[in-house]
Each structure stands twice: as structure tokens, then as C-alpha cells.
Amino acid sequence: MADTHHKPRSAISKTQRNLTVGYISTRHENRATGMTTYYSRHPSLHLKGNWLGEAGFETGSPVKVHIESGRTIICFG
């Protein structure tokens, strides 16, 4: 029987998320003049939401990211 003060582990609200790959812009400048020479765009994924905490990823937690062809796996560090 469960302890009187036992709190059951909360379920993750949704186990699958649909995200869209966006981009970030990087400004490149001439070091001598400080003038912008061009901007480059790089693919970017922004992961945020309470579901990260529900899955055990708390603020400040180290993570490891494994990259495979067509797949990204994020694990506790």
C-alpha cells in the first residue's frame, strides 16, 4: 500500500510535440569599422514550456544532445 503522504508522479501532458524549425540571425561586422557586412541565418529549435519540467528537465539541469540522421535525442546530462 502506498505511503499516506506519497505523491504519485504527474503524467506528461502530451508525449509528442510538433515544432517548426525556425532560424536565428547572426550579424557579421567589419572589425575595423564596426559596420555590418552581412547577416547569416542558421536553423534553430526553441524548446520551452511546462512539459519540459513535467518530463524532469528542470531549470539549470545539464542535458546531452545526440544528433542522428533525421533524429535529435535530448537526455539528462
PDB file of N, CA and C in Angstrom:
ATOM      1  N   MET A   1       0.835  -1.170   0.000  1.00  0.00           N
ATOM      2  CA  MET A   1       0.000   0.000   0.000  1.00  0.00           C
ATOM      3  C   MET A   1       0.882   1.236   0.000  1.00  0.00           C
ATOM      4  N   ALA A   2       0.462   2.272  -0.680  1.00  0.00           N
ATOM      5  CA  ALA A   2       1.244   3.497  -0.789  1.00  0.00           C
ATOM      6  C   ALA A   2       1.268   4.245   0.530  1.00  0.00           C
ATOM      7  N   ASP A   3       2.368   4.923   0.756  1.00  0.00           N
ATOM      8  CA  ASP A   3       2.518   5.756   1.944  1.00  0.00           C
ATOM      9  C   ASP A   3       1.433   6.832   1.935  1.00  0.00           C
ATOM     10  N   THR A   4       0.993   7.251   3.117  1.00  0.00           N
ATOM     11  CA  THR A   4      -0.075   8.246   3.235  1.00  0.00           C
ATOM     12  C   THR A   4       0.280   9.540   2.515  1.00  0.00           C
ATOM     13  N   HIS A   5       1.544   9.941   2.604  1.00  0.00           N
ATOM     14  CA  HIS A   5       1.966  11.208   2.002  1.00  0.00           C
ATOM     15  C   HIS A   5       2.644  11.012   0.648  1.00  0.00           C
ATOM     16  N   HIS A   6       2.471   9.854   0.071  1.00  0.00           N
ATOM     17  CA  HIS A   6       3.079   9.571  -1.232  1.00  0.00           C
ATOM     18  C   HIS A   6       2.353  10.369  -2.307  1.00  0.00           C
ATOM     19  N   LYS A   7       3.132  11.099  -3.096  1.00  0.00           N
ATOM     20  CA  LYS A   7       2.549  11.875  -4.194  1.00  0.00           C
ATOM     21  C   LYS A   7       2.855  11.141  -5.499  1.00  0.00           C
ATOM     22  N   PRO A   8       1.829  10.706  -6.222  1.00  0.00           N
ATOM     23  CA  PRO A   8       2.090   9.995  -7.474  1.00  0.00           C
ATOM     24  C   PRO A   8       2.774  10.915  -8.481  1.00  0.00           C
ATOM     25  N   ARG A   9       3.643  10.327  -9.282  1.00  0.00           N
ATOM     26  CA  ARG A   9       4.343  11.099 -10.304  1.00  0.00           C
ATOM     27  C   ARG A   9       3.327  11.632 -11.311  1.00  0.00           C
ATOM     28  N   SER A  10       3.415  12.920 -11.618  1.00  0.00           N
ATOM     29  CA  SER A  10       2.453  13.506 -12.551  1.00  0.00           C
ATOM     30  C   SER A  10       2.761  13.052 -13.975  1.00  0.00           C
ATOM     31  N   ALA A  11       1.736  12.921 -14.757  1.00  0.00           N
ATOM     32  CA  ALA A  11       1.886  12.490 -16.143  1.00  0.00           C
ATOM     33  C   ALA A  11       2.294  13.675 -17.007  1.00  0.00           C
ATOM     34  N   ILE A  12       2.985  13.390 -18.080  1.00  0.00           N
ATOM     35  CA  ILE A  12       3.347  14.428 -19.036  1.00  0.00           C
ATOM     36  C   ILE A  12       2.105  14.726 -19.861  1.00  0.00           C
ATOM     37  N   SER A  13       1.783  16.006 -20.001  1.00  0.00           N
ATOM     38  CA  SER A  13       0.533  16.398 -20.645  1.00  0.00           C
ATOM     39  C   SER A  13       0.372  15.811 -22.050  1.00  0.00           C
ATOM     40  N   LYS A  14       1.416  15.867 -22.871  1.00  0.00           N
ATOM     41  CA  LYS A  14       1.397  15.250 -24.197  1.00  0.00           C
ATOM     42  C   LYS A  14       2.775  14.650 -24.431  1.00  0.00           C
ATOM     43  N   THR A  15       2.827  13.451 -24.967  1.00  0.00           N
ATOM     44  CA  THR A  15       4.121  12.805 -25.168  1.00  0.00           C
ATOM     45  C   THR A  15       4.715  13.081 -26.544  1.00  0.00           C
ATOM     46  N   GLN A  16       3.979  13.736 -27.410  1.00  0.00           N
ATOM     47  CA  GLN A  16       4.516  14.110 -28.714  1.00  0.00           C
ATOM     48  C   GLN A  16       4.225  15.574 -28.962  1.00  0.00           C
ATOM     49  N   ARG A  17       5.212  16.289 -29.450  1.00  0.00           N
ATOM     50  CA  ARG A  17       5.073  17.713 -29.766  1.00  0.00           C
ATOM     51  C   ARG A  17       5.409  17.926 -31.237  1.00  0.00           C
ATOM     52  N   ASN A  18       4.708  18.836 -31.876  1.00  0.00           N
ATOM     53  CA  ASN A  18       5.005  19.208 -33.255  1.00  0.00           C
ATOM     54  C   ASN A  18       5.576  20.614 -33.240  1.00  0.00           C
ATOM     55  N   LEU A  19       6.822  20.736 -33.648  1.00  0.00           N
ATOM     56  CA  LEU A  19       7.513  22.016 -33.667  1.00  0.00           C
ATOM     57  C   LEU A  19       7.917  22.341 -35.091  1.00  0.00           C
ATOM     58  N   THR A  20       8.298  23.576 -35.314  1.00  0.00           N
ATOM     59  CA  THR A  20       8.771  24.010 -36.620  1.00  0.00           C
ATOM     60  C   THR A  20      10.187  24.539 -36.471  1.00  0.00           C
ATOM     61  N   VAL A  21      11.070  24.111 -37.358  1.00  0.00           N
ATOM     62  CA  VAL A  21      12.435  24.621 -37.341  1.00  0.00           C
ATOM     63  C   VAL A  21      12.396  26.062 -37.830  1.00  0.00           C
ATOM     64  N   GLY A  22      12.912  26.953 -37.011  1.00  0.00           N
ATOM     65  CA  GLY A  22      12.997  28.362 -37.373  1.00  0.00           C
ATOM     66  C   GLY A  22      14.444  28.714 -37.689  1.00  0.00           C
ATOM     67  N   TYR A  23      14.804  29.961 -37.457  1.00  0.00           N
ATOM     68  CA  TYR A  23      16.180  30.372 -37.690  1.00  0.00           C
ATOM     69  C   TYR A  23      16.564  31.484 -36.726  1.00  0.00           C
ATOM     70  N   ILE A  24      17.862  31.633 -36.543  1.00  0.00           N
ATOM     71  CA  ILE A  24      18.403  32.780 -35.828  1.00  0.00           C
ATOM     72  C   ILE A  24      19.296  33.531 -36.805  1.00  0.00           C
ATOM     73  N   SER A  25      19.379  34.823 -36.643  1.00  0.00           N
ATOM     74  CA  SER A  25      20.250  35.643 -37.481  1.00  0.00           C
ATOM     75  C   SER A  25      21.520  35.978 -36.714  1.00  0.00           C
ATOM     76  N   THR A  26      22.646  35.872 -37.392  1.00  0.00           N
ATOM     77  CA  THR A  26      23.926  36.268 -36.815  1.00  0.00           C
ATOM     78  C   THR A  26      24.452  37.451 -37.608  1.00  0.00           C
ATOM     79  N   ARG A  27      24.787  38.510 -36.887  1.00  0.00           N
ATOM     80  CA  ARG A  27      25.299  39.722 -37.528  1.00  0.00           C
ATOM     81  C   ARG A  27      26.814  39.614 -37.646  1.00  0.00           C
ATOM     82  N   HIS A  28      27.329  39.872 -38.834  1.00  0.00           N
ATOM     83  CA  HIS A  28      28.770  39.857 -39.081  1.00  0.00           C
ATOM     84  C   HIS A  28      29.198  41.289 -39.383  1.00  0.00           C
ATOM     85  N   GLU A  29      30.290  41.697 -38.755  1.00  0.00           N
ATOM     86  CA  GLU A  29      30.719  43.082 -38.935  1.00  0.00           C
ATOM     87  C   GLU A  29      32.188  43.160 -39.312  1.00  0.00           C
ATOM     88  N   ASN A  30      32.541  44.275 -39.893  1.00  0.00           N
ATOM     89  CA  ASN A  30      33.925  44.595 -40.187  1.00  0.00           C
ATOM     90  C   ASN A  30      34.555  45.042 -38.872  1.00  0.00           C
ATOM     91  N   ARG A  31      35.595  44.349 -38.414  1.00  0.00           N
ATOM     92  CA  ARG A  31      36.191  44.671 -37.112  1.00  0.00           C
ATOM     93  C   ARG A  31      36.797  46.071 -37.072  1.00  0.00           C
ATOM     94  N   ALA A  32      37.312  46.521 -38.178  1.00  0.00           N
ATOM     95  CA  ALA A  32      37.952  47.838 -38.210  1.00  0.00           C
ATOM     96  C   ALA A  32      36.932  48.965 -38.085  1.00  0.00           C
ATOM     97  N   THR A  33      35.791  48.819 -38.743  1.00  0.00           N
ATOM     98  CA  THR A  33      34.810  49.912 -38.763  1.00  0.00           C
ATOM     99  C   THR A  33      33.607  49.665 -37.864  1.00  0.00           C
ATOM    100  N   GLY A  34      33.370  48.400 -37.511  1.00  0.00           N
ATOM    101  CA  GLY A  34      32.182  48.073 -36.716  1.00  0.00           C
ATOM    102  C   GLY A  34      30.904  48.058 -37.534  1.00  0.00           C
ATOM    103  N   MET A  35      31.027  48.239 -38.829  1.00  0.00           N
ATOM    104  CA  MET A  35      29.860  48.260 -39.717  1.00  0.00           C
ATOM    105  C   MET A  35      29.438  46.833 -40.065  1.00  0.00           C
ATOM    106  N   THR A  36      28.135  46.633 -40.159  1.00  0.00           N
ATOM    107  CA  THR A  36      27.600  45.331 -40.535  1.00  0.00           C
ATOM    108  C   THR A  36      27.946  45.039 -41.984  1.00  0.00           C
ATOM    109  N   THR A  37      28.503  43.842 -42.219  1.00  0.00           N
ATOM    110  CA  THR A  37      28.805  43.455 -43.597  1.00  0.00           C
ATOM    111  C   THR A  37      27.718  42.547 -44.158  1.00  0.00           C
ATOM    112  N   TYR A  38      27.182  41.661 -43.299  1.00  0.00           N
ATOM    113  CA  TYR A  38      26.074  40.802 -43.728  1.00  0.00           C
ATOM    114  C   TYR A  38      25.492  40.079 -42.524  1.00  0.00           C
ATOM    115  N   TYR A  39      24.337  39.473 -42.717  1.00  0.00           N
ATOM    116  CA  TYR A  39      23.688  38.625 -41.721  1.00  0.00           C
ATOM    117  C   TYR A  39      23.619  37.212 -42.283  1.00  0.00           C
ATOM    118  N   SER A  40      23.808  36.225 -41.433  1.00  0.00           N
ATOM    119  CA  SER A  40      23.632  34.841 -41.868  1.00  0.00           C
ATOM    120  C   SER A  40      22.521  34.211 -41.035  1.00  0.00           C
ATOM    121  N   ARG A  41      21.834  33.253 -41.629  1.00  0.00           N
ATOM    122  CA  ARG A  41      20.726  32.572 -40.942  1.00  0.00           C
ATOM    123  C   ARG A  41      21.125  31.136 -40.648  1.00  0.00           C
ATOM    124  N   HIS A  42      20.739  30.662 -39.443  1.00  0.00           N
ATOM    125  CA  HIS A  42      21.069  29.312 -39.007  1.00  0.00           C
ATOM    126  C   HIS A  42      19.808  28.638 -38.478  1.00  0.00           C
ATOM    127  N   PRO A  43      19.594  27.347 -38.779  1.00  0.00           N
ATOM    128  CA  PRO A  43      18.416  26.637 -38.276  1.00  0.00           C
ATOM    129  C   PRO A  43      18.387  26.657 -36.751  1.00  0.00           C
ATOM    130  N   SER A  44      17.180  26.719 -36.195  1.00  0.00           N
ATOM    131  CA  SER A  44      17.029  26.825 -34.745  1.00  0.00           C
ATOM    132  C   SER A  44      15.737  26.160 -34.293  1.00  0.00           C
ATOM    133  N   LEU A  45      15.796  25.465 -33.138  1.00  0.00           N
ATOM    134  CA  LEU A  45      14.613  24.909 -32.477  1.00  0.00           C
ATOM    135  C   LEU A  45      14.515  25.538 -31.097  1.00  0.00           C
ATOM    136  N   HIS A  46      13.372  26.065 -30.752  1.00  0.00           N
ATOM    137  CA  HIS A  46      13.154  26.665 -29.440  1.00  0.00           C
ATOM    138  C   HIS A  46      12.263  25.723 -28.633  1.00  0.00           C
ATOM    139  N   LEU A  47      12.836  25.099 -27.615  1.00  0.00           N
ATOM    140  CA  LEU A  47      12.080  24.193 -26.746  1.00  0.00           C
ATOM    141  C   LEU A  47      11.735  24.941 -25.471  1.00  0.00           C
ATOM    142  N   LYS A  48      10.457  25.051 -25.173  1.00  0.00           N
ATOM    143  CA  LYS A  48      10.034  25.750 -23.966  1.00  0.00           C
ATOM    144  C   LYS A  48       8.653  25.267 -23.571  1.00  0.00           C
ATOM    145  N   GLY A  49       8.340  25.382 -22.297  1.00  0.00           N
ATOM    146  CA  GLY A  49       7.013  25.021 -21.818  1.00  0.00           C
ATOM    147  C   GLY A  49       7.067  24.191 -20.552  1.00  0.00           C
ATOM    148  N   ASN A  50       5.937  24.136 -19.872  1.00  0.00           N
ATOM    149  CA  ASN A  50       5.838  23.369 -18.630  1.00  0.00           C
ATOM    150  C   ASN A  50       6.089  21.883 -18.850  1.00  0.00           C
ATOM    151  N   TRP A  51       5.846  21.395 -20.052  1.00  0.00           N
ATOM    152  CA  TRP A  51       6.034  19.981 -20.339  1.00  0.00           C
ATOM    153  C   TRP A  51       7.480  19.546 -20.131  1.00  0.00           C
ATOM    154  N   LEU A  52       8.451  20.461 -20.278  1.00  0.00           N
ATOM    155  CA  LEU A  52       9.845  20.102 -20.015  1.00  0.00           C
ATOM    156  C   LEU A  52      10.041  19.748 -18.547  1.00  0.00           C
ATOM    157  N   GLY A  53       9.451  20.546 -17.661  1.00  0.00           N
ATOM    158  CA  GLY A  53       9.513  20.249 -16.231  1.00  0.00           C
ATOM    159  C   GLY A  53       8.780  18.965 -15.893  1.00  0.00           C
ATOM    160  N   GLU A  54       7.644  18.739 -16.547  1.00  0.00           N
ATOM    161  CA  GLU A  54       6.880  17.507 -16.321  1.00  0.00           C
ATOM    162  C   GLU A  54       7.698  16.280 -16.722  1.00  0.00           C
ATOM    163  N   ALA A  55       8.569  16.441 -17.712  1.00  0.00           N
ATOM    164  CA  ALA A  55       9.416  15.337 -18.171  1.00  0.00           C
ATOM    165  C   ALA A  55      10.692  15.216 -17.340  1.00  0.00           C
ATOM    166  N   GLY A  56      10.881  16.121 -16.370  1.00  0.00           N
ATOM    167  CA  GLY A  56      12.043  16.040 -15.482  1.00  0.00           C
ATOM    168  C   GLY A  56      13.176  16.989 -15.816  1.00  0.00           C
ATOM    169  N   PHE A  57      13.018  17.808 -16.851  1.00  0.00           N
ATOM    170  CA  PHE A  57      14.052  18.769 -17.232  1.00  0.00           C
ATOM    171  C   PHE A  57      13.792  20.087 -16.507  1.00  0.00           C
ATOM    172  N   GLU A  58      14.440  20.255 -15.365  1.00  0.00           N
ATOM    173  CA  GLU A  58      14.249  21.462 -14.565  1.00  0.00           C
ATOM    174  C   GLU A  58      15.253  22.536 -14.984  1.00  0.00           C
ATOM    175  N   THR A  59      14.953  23.783 -14.667  1.00  0.00           N
ATOM    176  CA  THR A  59      15.839  24.898 -14.970  1.00  0.00           C
ATOM    177  C   THR A  59      17.223  24.641 -14.383  1.00  0.00           C
ATOM    178  N   GLY A  60      18.244  24.831 -15.185  1.00  0.00           N
ATOM    179  CA  GLY A  60      19.617  24.636 -14.742  1.00  0.00           C
ATOM    180  C   GLY A  60      20.135  23.218 -14.871  1.00  0.00           C
ATOM    181  N   SER A  61      19.283  22.288 -15.292  1.00  0.00           N
ATOM    182  CA  SER A  61      19.705  20.886 -15.433  1.00  0.00           C
ATOM    183  C   SER A  61      20.614  20.729 -16.653  1.00  0.00           C
ATOM    184  N   PRO A  62      21.728  19.994 -16.512  1.00  0.00           N
ATOM    185  CA  PRO A  62      22.563  19.731 -17.688  1.00  0.00           C
ATOM    186  C   PRO A  62      21.894  18.685 -18.580  1.00  0.00           C
ATOM    187  N   VAL A  63      22.042  18.835 -19.878  1.00  0.00           N
ATOM    188  CA  VAL A  63      21.489  17.871 -20.827  1.00  0.00           C
ATOM    189  C   VAL A  63      22.552  17.497 -21.853  1.00  0.00           C
ATOM    190  N   LYS A  64      22.358  16.354 -22.482  1.00  0.00           N
ATOM    191  CA  LYS A  64      23.186  15.921 -23.603  1.00  0.00           C
ATOM    192  C   LYS A  64      22.282  15.819 -24.814  1.00  0.00           C
ATOM    193  N   VAL A  65      22.773  16.270 -25.950  1.00  0.00           N
ATOM    194  CA  VAL A  65      22.006  16.223 -27.191  1.00  0.00           C
ATOM    195  C   VAL A  65      22.736  15.292 -28.154  1.00  0.00           C
ATOM    196  N   HIS A  66      22.052  14.244 -28.576  1.00  0.00           N
ATOM    197  CA  HIS A  66      22.605  13.279 -29.526  1.00  0.00           C
ATOM    198  C   HIS A  66      21.949  13.540 -30.880  1.00  0.00           C
ATOM    199  N   ILE A  67      22.766  13.715 -31.902  1.00  0.00           N
ATOM    200  CA  ILE A  67      22.268  14.008 -33.239  1.00  0.00           C
ATOM    201  C   ILE A  67      22.476  12.790 -34.128  1.00  0.00           C
ATOM    202  N   GLU A  68      21.422  12.360 -34.779  1.00  0.00           N
ATOM    203  CA  GLU A  68      21.469  11.285 -35.761  1.00  0.00           C
ATOM    204  C   GLU A  68      20.787  11.806 -37.017  1.00  0.00           C
ATOM    205  N   SER A  69      20.863  11.064 -38.078  1.00  0.00           N
ATOM    206  CA  SER A  69      20.206  11.472 -39.312  1.00  0.00           C
ATOM    207  C   SER A  69      18.695  11.506 -39.106  1.00  0.00           C
ATOM    208  N   GLY A  70      18.106  12.687 -39.153  1.00  0.00           N
ATOM    209  CA  GLY A  70      16.663  12.831 -39.018  1.00  0.00           C
ATOM    210  C   GLY A  70      16.134  12.694 -37.611  1.00  0.00           C
ATOM    211  N   ARG A  71      17.022  12.668 -36.600  1.00  0.00           N
ATOM    212  CA  ARG A  71      16.570  12.464 -35.222  1.00  0.00           C
ATOM    213  C   ARG A  71      17.490  13.212 -34.260  1.00  0.00           C
ATOM    214  N   THR A  72      16.886  13.851 -33.264  1.00  0.00           N
ATOM    215  CA  THR A  72      17.620  14.502 -32.184  1.00  0.00           C
ATOM    216  C   THR A  72      17.108  13.937 -30.872  1.00  0.00           C
ATOM    217  N   ILE A  73      18.012  13.477 -30.015  1.00  0.00           N
ATOM    218  CA  ILE A  73      17.637  12.893 -28.731  1.00  0.00           C
ATOM    219  C   ILE A  73      18.231  13.752 -27.625  1.00  0.00           C
ATOM    220  N   ILE A  74      17.387  14.188 -26.686  1.00  0.00           N
ATOM    221  CA  ILE A  74      17.832  15.012 -25.566  1.00  0.00           C
ATOM    222  C   ILE A  74      17.711  14.179 -24.300  1.00  0.00           C
ATOM    223  N   CYS A  75      18.825  14.018 -23.585  1.00  0.00           N
ATOM    224  CA  CYS A  75      18.873  13.194 -22.371  1.00  0.00           C
ATOM    225  C   CYS A  75      19.425  14.020 -21.213  1.00  0.00           C
ATOM    226  N   PHE A  76      19.198  13.543 -19.993  1.00  0.00           N
ATOM    227  CA  PHE A  76      19.791  14.179 -18.826  1.00  0.00           C
ATOM    228  C   PHE A  76      21.304  14.077 -18.938  1.00  0.00           C
ATOM    229  N   GLY A  77      22.000  15.159 -18.547  1.00  0.00           N
ATOM    230  CA  GLY A  77      23.462  15.204 -18.647  1.00  0.00           C
ATOM    231  C   GLY A  77      24.093  14.524 -17.514  1.00  0.00           C
TER     232      GLY A  77
END
